[in-house]
Amino acid sequence: RKLVQLDSSSEMLHRDDLFRELSAGQAGNGDKNNSSVCETYKLVAEEEQPLPFPDGTFDLVISSMAFHWINDLPRLLTEIKRTLKPDGCLLFALPGGNTLPELRSSLILAELERTGGVSTHVGPYMDISDVGSLLTGTGFRLPTIDVDEIQIGYPNMMVLMEHLGRMGEGNASVNRRDRVGLGTFLG
């Protein structure tokens, strides 16, 4: 068994290396014969370019909360399909179109009232009803889509926005205002 990790950010790819080294040291230099551990290869590569793997390389491709950052998702899905073995599996999670509706509507209403205009502050998310069509359109057979609605409460919008920022989930929209004016929040 081998694991290949790919990311365009070296920092993200190697963020847990020190933790793994410390954990292995605490476990008595690690158990190299442990059958649940597999070889891991880390590769810094651009997800927006052709993937650097031959056709039919992988049995399984997993992506967790990364597809919403991809500009050309159909092209990436076509590349993933190419690198999968026949009957290989793609498993991914992404935020759906109805993510953060309260934050989105609050910012729109406040900004419209304070400035007379609106800019996007919550990133555009793919509508879940489009995911199946996108998968079949890029060559995947028998797509199965599961939706989990998870509601998390925050004491206020500022705490939520701080958490989003710490998760790296800022707004990547090109045509947006750099920041929301203080008058939008305080009135």
N, C-alpha and C. Protein backbone atom coordinates (compact mmCIF):
# COMPACT_ATOMS: atom_id res chain seq x y z
N ARG A 1 0.83 -1.18 0.00
CA ARG A 1 0.00 0.00 0.00
C ARG A 1 0.87 1.24 0.00
N LYS A 2 0.45 2.21 -0.81
CA LYS A 2 1.17 3.47 -0.89
C LYS A 2 0.17 4.62 -0.89
N LEU A 3 0.57 5.70 -0.26
CA LEU A 3 -0.25 6.89 -0.19
C LEU A 3 0.51 8.02 -0.88
N VAL A 4 -0.15 8.69 -1.80
CA VAL A 4 0.43 9.85 -2.47
C VAL A 4 -0.39 11.07 -2.06
N GLN A 5 0.28 12.04 -1.48
CA GLN A 5 -0.38 13.29 -1.10
C GLN A 5 0.08 14.37 -2.06
N LEU A 6 -0.88 15.11 -2.62
CA LEU A 6 -0.55 16.16 -3.58
C LEU A 6 -1.22 17.45 -3.14
N ASP A 7 -0.45 18.53 -3.16
CA ASP A 7 -1.00 19.85 -2.84
C ASP A 7 -0.12 20.88 -3.53
N SER A 8 -0.71 22.03 -3.86
CA SER A 8 0.07 23.11 -4.47
C SER A 8 0.83 23.90 -3.41
N SER A 9 0.50 23.69 -2.15
CA SER A 9 1.16 24.39 -1.04
C SER A 9 2.05 23.44 -0.26
N SER A 10 3.35 23.70 -0.29
CA SER A 10 4.29 22.87 0.46
C SER A 10 4.01 22.94 1.95
N GLU A 11 3.61 24.14 2.43
CA GLU A 11 3.32 24.31 3.85
C GLU A 11 2.15 23.41 4.28
N MET A 12 1.10 23.36 3.47
CA MET A 12 -0.04 22.50 3.81
C MET A 12 0.34 21.03 3.73
N LEU A 13 1.15 20.69 2.74
CA LEU A 13 1.54 19.30 2.54
C LEU A 13 2.38 18.76 3.70
N HIS A 14 3.19 19.62 4.27
CA HIS A 14 4.12 19.19 5.32
C HIS A 14 3.75 19.71 6.70
N ARG A 15 2.53 20.21 6.87
CA ARG A 15 2.16 20.84 8.14
C ARG A 15 2.16 19.87 9.32
N ASP A 16 1.95 18.58 9.09
CA ASP A 16 1.87 17.62 10.19
C ASP A 16 3.14 16.77 10.34
N ASP A 17 4.19 17.10 9.62
CA ASP A 17 5.41 16.29 9.67
C ASP A 17 6.01 16.24 11.08
N LEU A 18 6.11 17.37 11.74
CA LEU A 18 6.69 17.42 13.08
C LEU A 18 5.86 16.60 14.06
N PHE A 19 4.53 16.70 13.95
CA PHE A 19 3.65 15.92 14.81
C PHE A 19 3.88 14.42 14.61
N ARG A 20 4.01 13.99 13.36
CA ARG A 20 4.27 12.56 13.09
C ARG A 20 5.60 12.11 13.67
N GLU A 21 6.62 12.95 13.52
CA GLU A 21 7.94 12.60 14.06
C GLU A 21 7.89 12.48 15.59
N LEU A 22 7.21 13.43 16.22
CA LEU A 22 7.09 13.38 17.69
C LEU A 22 6.29 12.17 18.14
N SER A 23 5.22 11.87 17.42
CA SER A 23 4.39 10.71 17.77
C SER A 23 5.17 9.41 17.61
N ALA A 24 5.96 9.31 16.55
CA ALA A 24 6.75 8.11 16.33
C ALA A 24 7.80 7.96 17.42
N GLY A 25 8.39 9.08 17.86
CA GLY A 25 9.39 9.04 18.92
C GLY A 25 8.80 8.61 20.24
N GLN A 26 7.58 9.05 20.54
CA GLN A 26 6.93 8.67 21.80
C GLN A 26 6.49 7.22 21.79
N ALA A 27 6.30 6.66 20.60
CA ALA A 27 5.86 5.27 20.51
C ALA A 27 7.05 4.32 20.45
N GLY A 28 8.22 4.80 20.86
CA GLY A 28 9.39 3.92 20.84
C GLY A 28 9.96 3.79 19.45
N ASN A 29 10.22 4.92 18.80
CA ASN A 29 10.75 4.98 17.43
C ASN A 29 9.79 4.43 16.39
N GLY A 30 8.56 4.31 16.73
CA GLY A 30 7.57 3.89 15.74
C GLY A 30 7.63 2.40 15.49
N ASP A 31 6.55 1.84 15.06
CA ASP A 31 6.46 0.42 14.74
C ASP A 31 6.47 0.29 13.23
N LYS A 32 7.64 0.07 12.66
CA LYS A 32 7.77 0.02 11.21
C LYS A 32 7.11 -1.21 10.61
N ASN A 33 6.78 -2.19 11.43
CA ASN A 33 6.12 -3.40 10.93
C ASN A 33 4.61 -3.30 11.02
N ASN A 34 4.10 -2.19 11.46
CA ASN A 34 2.66 -2.01 11.61
C ASN A 34 2.00 -2.06 10.23
N SER A 35 1.08 -2.98 10.03
CA SER A 35 0.48 -3.16 8.71
C SER A 35 -0.51 -2.06 8.36
N SER A 36 -0.90 -1.22 9.33
CA SER A 36 -1.83 -0.14 9.02
C SER A 36 -1.10 1.10 8.48
N VAL A 37 0.22 1.10 8.54
CA VAL A 37 1.00 2.21 8.03
C VAL A 37 1.45 1.88 6.62
N CYS A 38 1.38 2.89 5.76
CA CYS A 38 1.81 2.67 4.38
C CYS A 38 2.84 3.71 4.01
N GLU A 39 3.58 3.42 2.96
CA GLU A 39 4.55 4.39 2.46
C GLU A 39 3.80 5.64 2.02
N THR A 40 4.35 6.79 2.34
CA THR A 40 3.72 8.05 1.97
C THR A 40 4.68 8.88 1.13
N TYR A 41 4.19 9.33 -0.01
CA TYR A 41 4.94 10.21 -0.89
C TYR A 41 4.21 11.55 -0.92
N LYS A 42 4.96 12.62 -0.74
CA LYS A 42 4.36 13.96 -0.76
C LYS A 42 4.88 14.69 -1.98
N LEU A 43 3.96 15.24 -2.75
CA LEU A 43 4.31 15.87 -4.01
C LEU A 43 3.68 17.26 -4.08
N VAL A 44 4.51 18.27 -4.27
CA VAL A 44 4.01 19.62 -4.48
C VAL A 44 3.77 19.77 -5.98
N ALA A 45 2.53 20.00 -6.35
CA ALA A 45 2.17 20.16 -7.77
C ALA A 45 0.93 21.02 -7.86
N GLU A 46 0.73 21.64 -8.97
CA GLU A 46 -0.40 22.53 -9.19
C GLU A 46 -1.62 21.72 -9.62
N GLU A 47 -2.70 21.83 -8.84
CA GLU A 47 -3.92 21.09 -9.14
C GLU A 47 -4.59 21.60 -10.41
N GLU A 48 -4.27 22.82 -10.83
CA GLU A 48 -4.90 23.42 -12.01
C GLU A 48 -4.22 22.98 -13.30
N GLN A 49 -3.13 22.23 -13.20
CA GLN A 49 -2.39 21.74 -14.37
C GLN A 49 -2.63 20.24 -14.51
N PRO A 50 -2.22 19.65 -15.64
CA PRO A 50 -2.35 18.18 -15.75
C PRO A 50 -1.64 17.48 -14.60
N LEU A 51 -2.30 16.48 -14.04
CA LEU A 51 -1.71 15.76 -12.90
C LEU A 51 -0.51 14.95 -13.35
N PRO A 52 0.56 14.93 -12.56
CA PRO A 52 1.82 14.30 -12.97
C PRO A 52 1.85 12.79 -12.75
N PHE A 53 0.79 12.10 -13.15
CA PHE A 53 0.71 10.66 -12.96
C PHE A 53 0.26 10.00 -14.27
N PRO A 54 0.75 8.80 -14.53
CA PRO A 54 0.29 8.09 -15.74
C PRO A 54 -1.17 7.65 -15.61
N ASP A 55 -1.77 7.32 -16.72
CA ASP A 55 -3.15 6.82 -16.74
C ASP A 55 -3.24 5.56 -15.86
N GLY A 56 -4.35 5.43 -15.16
CA GLY A 56 -4.63 4.22 -14.39
C GLY A 56 -3.68 3.97 -13.22
N THR A 57 -3.24 5.01 -12.55
CA THR A 57 -2.28 4.86 -11.45
C THR A 57 -2.94 4.47 -10.13
N PHE A 58 -4.10 5.05 -9.82
CA PHE A 58 -4.65 4.94 -8.48
C PHE A 58 -5.93 4.12 -8.41
N ASP A 59 -6.10 3.41 -7.29
CA ASP A 59 -7.35 2.72 -6.98
C ASP A 59 -8.36 3.70 -6.38
N LEU A 60 -7.86 4.68 -5.64
CA LEU A 60 -8.71 5.59 -4.89
C LEU A 60 -8.08 6.98 -4.87
N VAL A 61 -8.91 8.00 -5.10
CA VAL A 61 -8.50 9.39 -4.96
C VAL A 61 -9.44 10.02 -3.93
N ILE A 62 -8.86 10.69 -2.94
CA ILE A 62 -9.65 11.32 -1.88
C ILE A 62 -9.32 12.80 -1.84
N SER A 63 -10.35 13.62 -1.73
CA SER A 63 -10.16 15.05 -1.55
C SER A 63 -11.11 15.52 -0.45
N SER A 64 -10.57 16.20 0.52
CA SER A 64 -11.39 16.68 1.62
C SER A 64 -11.35 18.20 1.67
N MET A 65 -12.47 18.80 1.37
CA MET A 65 -12.65 20.24 1.47
C MET A 65 -11.63 21.03 0.65
N ALA A 66 -11.39 20.59 -0.59
CA ALA A 66 -10.44 21.31 -1.44
C ALA A 66 -11.04 21.66 -2.80
N PHE A 67 -12.02 20.92 -3.27
CA PHE A 67 -12.54 21.14 -4.62
C PHE A 67 -13.17 22.52 -4.79
N HIS A 68 -13.69 23.12 -3.75
CA HIS A 68 -14.30 24.44 -3.90
C HIS A 68 -13.27 25.53 -4.17
N TRP A 69 -11.99 25.23 -4.07
CA TRP A 69 -10.94 26.19 -4.39
C TRP A 69 -10.46 26.07 -5.83
N ILE A 70 -10.92 25.06 -6.55
CA ILE A 70 -10.45 24.81 -7.91
C ILE A 70 -11.23 25.67 -8.90
N ASN A 71 -10.53 26.35 -9.79
CA ASN A 71 -11.18 27.21 -10.77
C ASN A 71 -11.83 26.42 -11.89
N ASP A 72 -11.18 25.37 -12.36
CA ASP A 72 -11.70 24.57 -13.48
C ASP A 72 -11.94 23.15 -12.99
N LEU A 73 -13.02 22.97 -12.26
CA LEU A 73 -13.31 21.67 -11.66
C LEU A 73 -13.57 20.58 -12.70
N PRO A 74 -14.28 20.84 -13.80
CA PRO A 74 -14.44 19.77 -14.80
C PRO A 74 -13.10 19.26 -15.34
N ARG A 75 -12.13 20.15 -15.56
CA ARG A 75 -10.83 19.72 -16.04
C ARG A 75 -10.12 18.85 -15.00
N LEU A 76 -10.19 19.25 -13.72
CA LEU A 76 -9.55 18.46 -12.66
C LEU A 76 -10.22 17.09 -12.53
N LEU A 77 -11.54 17.05 -12.58
CA LEU A 77 -12.24 15.76 -12.49
C LEU A 77 -11.88 14.85 -13.66
N THR A 78 -11.72 15.41 -14.85
CA THR A 78 -11.30 14.63 -16.01
C THR A 78 -9.90 14.07 -15.78
N GLU A 79 -9.02 14.87 -15.20
CA GLU A 79 -7.66 14.41 -14.89
C GLU A 79 -7.69 13.30 -13.83
N ILE A 80 -8.50 13.48 -12.81
CA ILE A 80 -8.62 12.44 -11.78
C ILE A 80 -9.13 11.15 -12.39
N LYS A 81 -10.15 11.25 -13.23
CA LYS A 81 -10.69 10.06 -13.91
C LYS A 81 -9.60 9.35 -14.71
N ARG A 82 -8.75 10.13 -15.39
CA ARG A 82 -7.67 9.57 -16.18
C ARG A 82 -6.68 8.80 -15.31
N THR A 83 -6.39 9.32 -14.10
CA THR A 83 -5.39 8.68 -13.25
C THR A 83 -5.94 7.51 -12.44
N LEU A 84 -7.26 7.36 -12.42
CA LEU A 84 -7.86 6.23 -11.71
C LEU A 84 -7.77 4.94 -12.54
N LYS A 85 -7.58 3.84 -11.86
CA LYS A 85 -7.67 2.54 -12.52
C LYS A 85 -9.11 2.29 -12.92
N PRO A 86 -9.35 1.37 -13.86
CA PRO A 86 -10.74 1.04 -14.18
C PRO A 86 -11.48 0.63 -12.90
N ASP A 87 -12.67 1.12 -12.74
CA ASP A 87 -13.49 0.91 -11.54
C ASP A 87 -12.86 1.50 -10.28
N GLY A 88 -11.95 2.47 -10.46
CA GLY A 88 -11.39 3.18 -9.32
C GLY A 88 -12.44 4.10 -8.72
N CYS A 89 -12.16 4.61 -7.55
CA CYS A 89 -13.14 5.39 -6.80
C CYS A 89 -12.62 6.78 -6.47
N LEU A 90 -13.47 7.77 -6.65
CA LEU A 90 -13.19 9.13 -6.21
C LEU A 90 -14.12 9.41 -5.03
N LEU A 91 -13.54 9.80 -3.93
CA LEU A 91 -14.30 10.12 -2.72
C LEU A 91 -13.92 11.54 -2.31
N PHE A 92 -14.92 12.42 -2.21
CA PHE A 92 -14.59 13.79 -1.86
C PHE A 92 -15.69 14.43 -1.03
N ALA A 93 -15.29 15.47 -0.31
CA ALA A 93 -16.23 16.27 0.48
C ALA A 93 -15.99 17.73 0.12
N LEU A 94 -17.08 18.47 0.00
CA LEU A 94 -16.98 19.89 -0.28
C LEU A 94 -18.18 20.61 0.29
N PRO A 95 -18.03 21.90 0.58
CA PRO A 95 -19.19 22.64 1.08
C PRO A 95 -20.18 22.86 -0.06
N GLY A 96 -21.45 22.70 0.23
CA GLY A 96 -22.48 22.86 -0.79
C GLY A 96 -22.97 24.28 -0.93
N GLY A 97 -23.84 24.50 -1.89
CA GLY A 97 -24.33 25.82 -2.23
C GLY A 97 -25.03 26.56 -1.12
N ASN A 98 -25.59 25.85 -0.16
CA ASN A 98 -26.31 26.50 0.93
C ASN A 98 -25.43 26.61 2.18
N THR A 99 -24.13 26.70 2.00
CA THR A 99 -23.21 26.84 3.12
C THR A 99 -23.19 28.29 3.59
N LEU A 100 -23.23 28.49 4.88
CA LEU A 100 -23.17 29.80 5.53
C LEU A 100 -24.27 30.77 5.06
N PRO A 101 -25.52 30.32 4.99
CA PRO A 101 -26.57 31.22 4.47
C PRO A 101 -26.83 32.43 5.37
N GLU A 102 -26.72 32.25 6.68
CA GLU A 102 -26.97 33.38 7.57
C GLU A 102 -25.89 34.45 7.42
N LEU A 103 -24.63 34.02 7.32
CA LEU A 103 -23.54 34.97 7.14
C LEU A 103 -23.70 35.70 5.80
N ARG A 104 -24.00 34.95 4.77
CA ARG A 104 -24.16 35.54 3.44
C ARG A 104 -25.26 36.60 3.45
N SER A 105 -26.43 36.25 3.95
CA SER A 105 -27.56 37.20 3.93
C SER A 105 -27.32 38.38 4.86
N SER A 106 -26.71 38.15 6.02
CA SER A 106 -26.42 39.26 6.94
C SER A 106 -25.47 40.27 6.31
N LEU A 107 -24.43 39.79 5.66
CA LEU A 107 -23.48 40.69 5.03
C LEU A 107 -24.12 41.46 3.87
N ILE A 108 -24.95 40.78 3.09
CA ILE A 108 -25.62 41.45 1.97
C ILE A 108 -26.53 42.56 2.48
N LEU A 109 -27.36 42.24 3.47
CA LEU A 109 -28.30 43.24 3.99
C LEU A 109 -27.57 44.42 4.64
N ALA A 110 -26.55 44.14 5.44
CA ALA A 110 -25.82 45.21 6.12
C ALA A 110 -25.08 46.09 5.12
N GLU A 111 -24.43 45.48 4.16
CA GLU A 111 -23.67 46.26 3.19
C GLU A 111 -24.58 47.07 2.28
N LEU A 112 -25.69 46.49 1.90
CA LEU A 112 -26.66 47.21 1.07
C LEU A 112 -27.19 48.43 1.82
N GLU A 113 -27.50 48.26 3.10
CA GLU A 113 -28.02 49.36 3.90
C GLU A 113 -26.97 50.44 4.13
N ARG A 114 -25.72 50.04 4.40
CA ARG A 114 -24.67 51.00 4.75
C ARG A 114 -24.02 51.65 3.54
N THR A 115 -23.82 50.89 2.46
CA THR A 115 -23.05 51.42 1.33
C THR A 115 -23.87 51.56 0.06
N GLY A 116 -25.05 50.97 0.02
CA GLY A 116 -25.87 51.05 -1.18
C GLY A 116 -25.47 50.06 -2.25
N GLY A 117 -24.50 49.21 -1.99
CA GLY A 117 -24.05 48.21 -2.96
C GLY A 117 -23.69 46.92 -2.25
N VAL A 118 -23.42 45.91 -3.02
CA VAL A 118 -23.12 44.59 -2.45
C VAL A 118 -21.90 44.00 -3.15
N SER A 119 -21.04 43.37 -2.38
CA SER A 119 -19.91 42.62 -2.90
C SER A 119 -19.98 41.22 -2.31
N THR A 120 -19.45 40.24 -3.01
CA THR A 120 -19.47 38.88 -2.47
C THR A 120 -18.45 38.78 -1.33
N HIS A 121 -18.89 38.24 -0.23
CA HIS A 121 -18.00 38.03 0.91
C HIS A 121 -17.95 36.57 1.32
N VAL A 122 -18.91 35.81 0.88
CA VAL A 122 -18.92 34.37 1.13
C VAL A 122 -18.73 33.73 -0.24
N GLY A 123 -17.71 32.89 -0.34
CA GLY A 123 -17.36 32.30 -1.62
C GLY A 123 -18.52 31.59 -2.30
N PRO A 124 -18.49 31.54 -3.61
CA PRO A 124 -19.53 30.79 -4.32
C PRO A 124 -19.29 29.29 -4.15
N TYR A 125 -20.32 28.58 -3.77
CA TYR A 125 -20.21 27.13 -3.60
C TYR A 125 -21.09 26.44 -4.62
N MET A 126 -20.65 25.27 -5.05
CA MET A 126 -21.39 24.51 -6.05
C MET A 126 -22.69 23.98 -5.45
N ASP A 127 -23.75 24.13 -6.22
CA ASP A 127 -25.03 23.57 -5.80
C ASP A 127 -24.95 22.05 -5.90
N ILE A 128 -25.39 21.39 -4.87
CA ILE A 128 -25.28 19.94 -4.80
C ILE A 128 -26.02 19.26 -5.96
N SER A 129 -27.10 19.87 -6.45
CA SER A 129 -27.84 19.27 -7.57
C SER A 129 -27.00 19.23 -8.84
N ASP A 130 -25.94 20.03 -8.92
CA ASP A 130 -25.08 20.03 -10.11
C ASP A 130 -23.93 19.03 -10.02
N VAL A 131 -23.67 18.49 -8.86
CA VAL A 131 -22.52 17.61 -8.67
C VAL A 131 -22.65 16.33 -9.51
N GLY A 132 -23.82 15.69 -9.49
CA GLY A 132 -24.01 14.45 -10.26
C GLY A 132 -23.81 14.67 -11.75
N SER A 133 -24.36 15.76 -12.27
CA SER A 133 -24.19 16.07 -13.69
C SER A 133 -22.73 16.33 -14.02
N LEU A 134 -22.04 17.03 -13.15
CA LEU A 134 -20.63 17.30 -13.37
C LEU A 134 -19.81 16.01 -13.40
N LEU A 135 -20.11 15.10 -12.47
CA LEU A 135 -19.38 13.83 -12.43
C LEU A 135 -19.64 12.97 -13.66
N THR A 136 -20.90 12.82 -14.05
CA THR A 136 -21.18 12.01 -15.24
C THR A 136 -20.65 12.68 -16.50
N GLY A 137 -20.67 14.00 -16.53
CA GLY A 137 -20.15 14.73 -17.69
C GLY A 137 -18.65 14.60 -17.84
N THR A 138 -17.94 14.26 -16.77
CA THR A 138 -16.49 14.09 -16.84
C THR A 138 -16.08 12.62 -16.86
N GLY A 139 -17.05 11.72 -17.08
CA GLY A 139 -16.71 10.32 -17.31
C GLY A 139 -16.90 9.37 -16.15
N PHE A 140 -17.37 9.84 -15.02
CA PHE A 140 -17.58 8.94 -13.89
C PHE A 140 -18.91 8.22 -14.06
N ARG A 141 -18.89 6.92 -13.76
CA ARG A 141 -20.11 6.12 -13.83
C ARG A 141 -20.65 5.90 -12.42
N LEU A 142 -21.94 5.81 -12.31
CA LEU A 142 -22.61 5.51 -11.05
C LEU A 142 -22.23 6.45 -9.91
N PRO A 143 -22.31 7.76 -10.12
CA PRO A 143 -21.99 8.65 -9.00
C PRO A 143 -23.02 8.51 -7.89
N THR A 144 -22.54 8.52 -6.69
CA THR A 144 -23.39 8.47 -5.51
C THR A 144 -23.11 9.72 -4.70
N ILE A 145 -24.16 10.45 -4.38
CA ILE A 145 -24.00 11.71 -3.67
C ILE A 145 -24.74 11.63 -2.35
N ASP A 146 -24.05 12.00 -1.30
CA ASP A 146 -24.63 12.00 0.03
C ASP A 146 -24.46 13.40 0.60
N VAL A 147 -25.49 13.90 1.23
CA VAL A 147 -25.46 15.25 1.79
C VAL A 147 -25.63 15.17 3.30
N ASP A 148 -24.73 15.80 4.01
CA ASP A 148 -24.83 15.93 5.46
C ASP A 148 -24.99 17.41 5.78
N GLU A 149 -26.07 17.76 6.42
CA GLU A 149 -26.24 19.14 6.86
C GLU A 149 -25.79 19.22 8.30
N ILE A 150 -24.77 20.02 8.52
CA ILE A 150 -24.20 20.17 9.85
C ILE A 150 -24.38 21.62 10.26
N GLN A 151 -25.06 21.82 11.36
CA GLN A 151 -25.27 23.17 11.87
C GLN A 151 -24.41 23.38 13.10
N ILE A 152 -23.64 24.46 13.07
CA ILE A 152 -22.77 24.80 14.18
C ILE A 152 -23.14 26.21 14.61
N GLY A 153 -23.34 26.41 15.91
CA GLY A 153 -23.71 27.73 16.42
C GLY A 153 -22.49 28.53 16.85
N TYR A 154 -22.53 29.81 16.60
CA TYR A 154 -21.49 30.74 17.03
C TYR A 154 -22.14 31.86 17.82
N PRO A 155 -21.45 32.41 18.80
CA PRO A 155 -22.07 33.47 19.60
C PRO A 155 -22.33 34.74 18.80
N ASN A 156 -21.49 34.99 17.76
CA ASN A 156 -21.70 36.16 16.91
C ASN A 156 -20.92 35.98 15.60
N MET A 157 -21.18 36.89 14.68
CA MET A 157 -20.58 36.80 13.35
C MET A 157 -19.07 36.97 13.39
N MET A 158 -18.56 37.77 14.29
CA MET A 158 -17.11 38.02 14.35
C MET A 158 -16.35 36.74 14.74
N VAL A 159 -16.90 35.96 15.65
CA VAL A 159 -16.26 34.70 16.04
C VAL A 159 -16.28 33.73 14.87
N LEU A 160 -17.40 33.66 14.17
CA LEU A 160 -17.49 32.80 12.99
C LEU A 160 -16.46 33.21 11.95
N MET A 161 -16.35 34.50 11.67
CA MET A 161 -15.40 34.96 10.65
C MET A 161 -13.97 34.72 11.07
N GLU A 162 -13.68 34.82 12.36
CA GLU A 162 -12.34 34.50 12.85
C GLU A 162 -12.03 33.03 12.63
N HIS A 163 -12.97 32.16 12.92
CA HIS A 163 -12.77 30.72 12.72
C HIS A 163 -12.58 30.39 11.24
N LEU A 164 -13.37 31.01 10.37
CA LEU A 164 -13.21 30.79 8.94
C LEU A 164 -11.82 31.22 8.47
N GLY A 165 -11.37 32.35 8.97
CA GLY A 165 -10.04 32.83 8.61
C GLY A 165 -8.94 31.90 9.08
N ARG A 166 -9.08 31.38 10.28
CA ARG A 166 -8.06 30.46 10.81
C ARG A 166 -8.05 29.13 10.07
N MET A 167 -9.18 28.77 9.47
CA MET A 167 -9.25 27.54 8.67
C MET A 167 -8.75 27.78 7.25
N GLY A 168 -8.43 29.03 6.93
CA GLY A 168 -7.99 29.35 5.57
C GLY A 168 -9.15 29.45 4.60
N GLU A 169 -10.34 29.62 5.12
CA GLU A 169 -11.53 29.65 4.27
C GLU A 169 -11.99 31.08 4.00
N GLY A 170 -11.07 31.92 3.56
CA GLY A 170 -11.43 33.27 3.16
C GLY A 170 -12.11 33.25 1.81
N ASN A 171 -12.53 34.40 1.36
CA ASN A 171 -13.20 34.51 0.06
C ASN A 171 -12.15 34.69 -1.02
N ALA A 172 -12.14 33.81 -2.00
CA ALA A 172 -11.17 33.86 -3.08
C ALA A 172 -11.74 34.50 -4.34
N SER A 173 -12.93 35.05 -4.28
CA SER A 173 -13.51 35.69 -5.45
C SER A 173 -12.65 36.86 -5.89
N VAL A 174 -12.39 36.95 -7.19
CA VAL A 174 -11.54 38.00 -7.73
C VAL A 174 -12.23 39.35 -7.63
N ASN A 175 -13.51 39.42 -7.98
CA ASN A 175 -14.24 40.69 -8.00
C ASN A 175 -14.95 40.94 -6.69
N ARG A 176 -14.19 41.18 -5.65
CA ARG A 176 -14.77 41.44 -4.34
C ARG A 176 -14.05 42.62 -3.72
N ARG A 177 -14.69 43.25 -2.78
CA ARG A 177 -14.02 44.31 -2.03
C ARG A 177 -12.98 43.67 -1.12
N ASP A 178 -11.89 44.38 -0.93
CA ASP A 178 -10.82 43.83 -0.10
C ASP A 178 -11.26 43.58 1.33
N ARG A 179 -12.06 44.48 1.85
CA ARG A 179 -12.53 44.29 3.22
C ARG A 179 -13.88 44.96 3.40
N VAL A 180 -14.56 44.50 4.39
CA VAL A 180 -15.86 45.07 4.74
C VAL A 180 -15.58 46.23 5.69
N GLY A 181 -16.17 47.39 5.41
CA GLY A 181 -15.97 48.56 6.26
C GLY A 181 -16.56 48.34 7.64
N LEU A 182 -15.93 48.98 8.63
CA LEU A 182 -16.38 48.84 10.01
C LEU A 182 -17.83 49.30 10.18
N GLY A 183 -18.23 50.30 9.39
CA GLY A 183 -19.60 50.79 9.45
C GLY A 183 -20.62 49.75 9.06
N THR A 184 -20.23 48.78 8.29
CA THR A 184 -21.14 47.70 7.90
C THR A 184 -21.48 46.82 9.11
N PHE A 185 -20.50 46.65 9.99
CA PHE A 185 -20.72 45.81 11.16
C PHE A 185 -21.33 46.57 12.33
N LEU A 186 -20.98 47.81 12.46
CA LEU A 186 -21.46 48.61 13.59
C LEU A 186 -22.38 49.70 13.06
N GLY A 187 -23.53 49.80 13.60
CA GLY A 187 -24.40 50.81 13.04
C GLY A 187 -25.25 51.49 13.98
